[in-house]
N, C-alpha and C. Protein backbone atom coordinates (compact mmCIF):
# COMPACT_ATOMS: atom_id res chain seq x y z
N MET A 1 27.55 19.50 14.97
CA MET A 1 28.27 19.36 16.30
C MET A 1 27.36 18.45 17.27
N LYS A 2 26.06 18.82 17.25
CA LYS A 2 25.03 18.27 18.19
C LYS A 2 25.05 16.76 17.90
N ASN A 3 25.19 16.31 16.97
CA ASN A 3 25.15 14.91 16.34
C ASN A 3 26.24 14.20 17.04
N LEU A 4 27.40 14.91 17.08
CA LEU A 4 28.78 14.35 17.64
C LEU A 4 28.78 14.14 19.31
N THR A 5 27.85 15.02 19.87
CA THR A 5 27.65 14.78 21.32
C THR A 5 26.72 13.58 21.69
N PHE A 6 25.67 13.51 20.64
CA PHE A 6 24.85 12.36 20.87
C PHE A 6 25.63 11.04 20.61
N LEU A 7 26.42 10.96 19.54
CA LEU A 7 27.25 9.76 19.11
C LEU A 7 28.16 9.70 20.29
N VAL A 8 28.90 10.47 21.12
CA VAL A 8 30.00 10.16 22.11
C VAL A 8 28.97 9.62 23.27
N ALA A 9 27.96 10.20 23.39
CA ALA A 9 27.10 9.83 24.70
C ALA A 9 26.68 8.39 24.72
N ALA A 10 26.32 8.03 23.11
CA ALA A 10 25.75 6.66 23.05
C ALA A 10 26.97 5.88 23.16
N TYR A 11 28.24 6.05 22.70
CA TYR A 11 29.00 5.09 22.94
C TYR A 11 29.42 4.83 24.47
N MET A 12 29.61 5.99 25.11
CA MET A 12 29.89 6.05 26.70
C MET A 12 28.45 4.88 27.15
N VAL A 13 27.34 5.03 26.73
CA VAL A 13 26.41 4.21 27.33
C VAL A 13 26.65 2.75 27.17
N ILE A 14 27.09 2.45 25.62
CA ILE A 14 27.28 1.19 25.28
C ILE A 14 28.50 0.64 25.97
N TRP A 15 29.71 1.42 26.21
CA TRP A 15 30.85 0.85 26.69
C TRP A 15 30.53 0.76 28.21
N GLY A 16 29.61 1.63 28.70
CA GLY A 16 29.18 1.30 30.29
C GLY A 16 28.59 0.23 30.54
N GLY A 17 27.68 -0.14 29.64
CA GLY A 17 26.89 -1.09 29.66
C GLY A 17 27.68 -2.58 29.47
N LEU A 18 28.55 -2.53 28.64
CA LEU A 18 29.47 -3.68 28.56
C LEU A 18 30.20 -4.13 29.51
N PHE A 19 30.93 -3.07 30.06
CA PHE A 19 31.90 -2.96 31.27
C PHE A 19 30.92 -3.69 32.46
N PHE A 20 29.66 -3.25 32.71
CA PHE A 20 29.06 -3.80 33.91
C PHE A 20 28.47 -5.24 33.64
N TYR A 21 28.27 -5.39 32.63
CA TYR A 21 27.78 -6.79 32.03
C TYR A 21 29.08 -7.65 32.27
N LEU A 22 30.15 -7.31 31.89
CA LEU A 22 31.46 -8.17 31.96
C LEU A 22 31.80 -8.45 33.41
N ILE A 23 31.50 -7.45 34.20
CA ILE A 23 31.75 -7.56 35.89
C ILE A 23 30.56 -8.54 36.28
N PHE A 24 29.37 -8.25 35.91
CA PHE A 24 28.46 -9.35 36.24
C PHE A 24 28.61 -10.83 35.88
N VAL A 25 29.13 -11.09 34.86
CA VAL A 25 29.38 -12.29 34.28
C VAL A 25 30.62 -12.98 35.01
N SER A 26 31.60 -11.96 35.32
CA SER A 26 32.58 -12.41 36.04
C SER A 26 32.32 -13.00 37.18
N GLY A 27 31.54 -12.10 38.26
CA GLY A 27 30.71 -12.53 39.47
C GLY A 27 30.22 -13.97 39.34
N GLN A 28 29.54 -14.21 38.30
CA GLN A 28 28.67 -15.48 38.12
C GLN A 28 29.71 -16.60 37.72
N GLN A 29 30.85 -16.32 37.12
CA GLN A 29 31.74 -17.26 36.91
C GLN A 29 32.49 -17.49 38.14
N ARG A 30 32.69 -16.77 38.97
CA ARG A 30 33.49 -16.93 40.19
C ARG A 30 32.54 -17.77 41.05
N LYS A 31 31.27 -17.63 41.34
CA LYS A 31 30.33 -18.39 41.83
C LYS A 31 30.17 -19.84 41.30
N LEU A 32 30.04 -19.91 40.13
CA LEU A 32 30.01 -21.50 39.59
C LEU A 32 31.21 -22.19 39.74
N THR A 33 32.45 -21.57 39.85
CA THR A 33 33.57 -22.23 40.01
C THR A 33 33.78 -22.81 41.31
N GLN A 34 33.30 -21.72 42.37
CA GLN A 34 33.27 -22.37 43.76
C GLN A 34 32.16 -23.36 43.82
N ARG A 35 31.22 -23.46 43.14
CA ARG A 35 30.39 -24.44 43.41
C ARG A 35 30.69 -25.65 42.88
N VAL A 36 31.38 -25.53 41.47
CA VAL A 36 31.95 -26.89 41.20
C VAL A 36 32.82 -27.46 42.00
N LYS A 37 33.90 -26.78 42.65
CA LYS A 37 34.91 -27.18 43.68
C LYS A 37 34.01 -27.91 44.83
N VAL A 38 33.29 -27.42 45.51
CA VAL A 38 32.25 -27.92 46.47
C VAL A 38 31.76 -29.50 46.21
N LEU A 39 31.22 -29.24 44.87
CA LEU A 39 30.61 -30.61 44.36
C LEU A 39 31.81 -31.58 44.26
N GLU A 40 32.93 -31.29 43.72
CA GLU A 40 34.19 -32.19 43.46
C GLU A 40 34.56 -32.57 44.77
N GLU A 41 34.59 -31.70 45.90
CA GLU A 41 35.01 -32.41 47.03
C GLU A 41 33.80 -33.29 47.73
N LEU A 42 32.52 -32.83 47.58
CA LEU A 42 31.48 -34.01 47.95
C LEU A 42 31.89 -35.38 47.36
N LEU A 43 31.93 -35.20 46.09
CA LEU A 43 31.99 -36.59 45.15
C LEU A 43 33.50 -37.18 45.71
N LYS A 44 34.55 -36.85 45.73
CA LYS A 44 35.56 -37.28 46.45
C LYS A 44 35.56 -37.80 47.94
N GLU A 45 34.49 -37.22 48.64
CA GLU A 45 34.28 -37.71 49.99
C GLU A 45 33.50 -38.85 49.83
N LYS A 46 32.36 -38.67 49.01
CA LYS A 46 31.66 -39.85 48.69
C LYS A 46 32.36 -41.13 48.15
N GLU A 47 33.26 -40.94 47.54
CA GLU A 47 33.83 -42.12 46.91
C GLU A 47 34.67 -42.84 47.87
N ARG A 48 35.39 -42.27 48.87
CA ARG A 48 36.13 -42.66 49.92
C ARG A 48 35.32 -43.49 50.89
N GLN A 49 34.05 -43.32 51.01
CA GLN A 49 33.23 -44.41 51.95
C GLN A 49 32.86 -45.37 51.24
């Protein structure tokens, strides 16, 4: 029974880590998407000139 407790604890740590990693990656993706939009706008503005 003691081993089962460790197994459950290990799965909780792994799933928790994965969850926070995915949140972090999602935030980075959002930032990169915003930066690409800004760069596209600057490029369009430069092409107009």
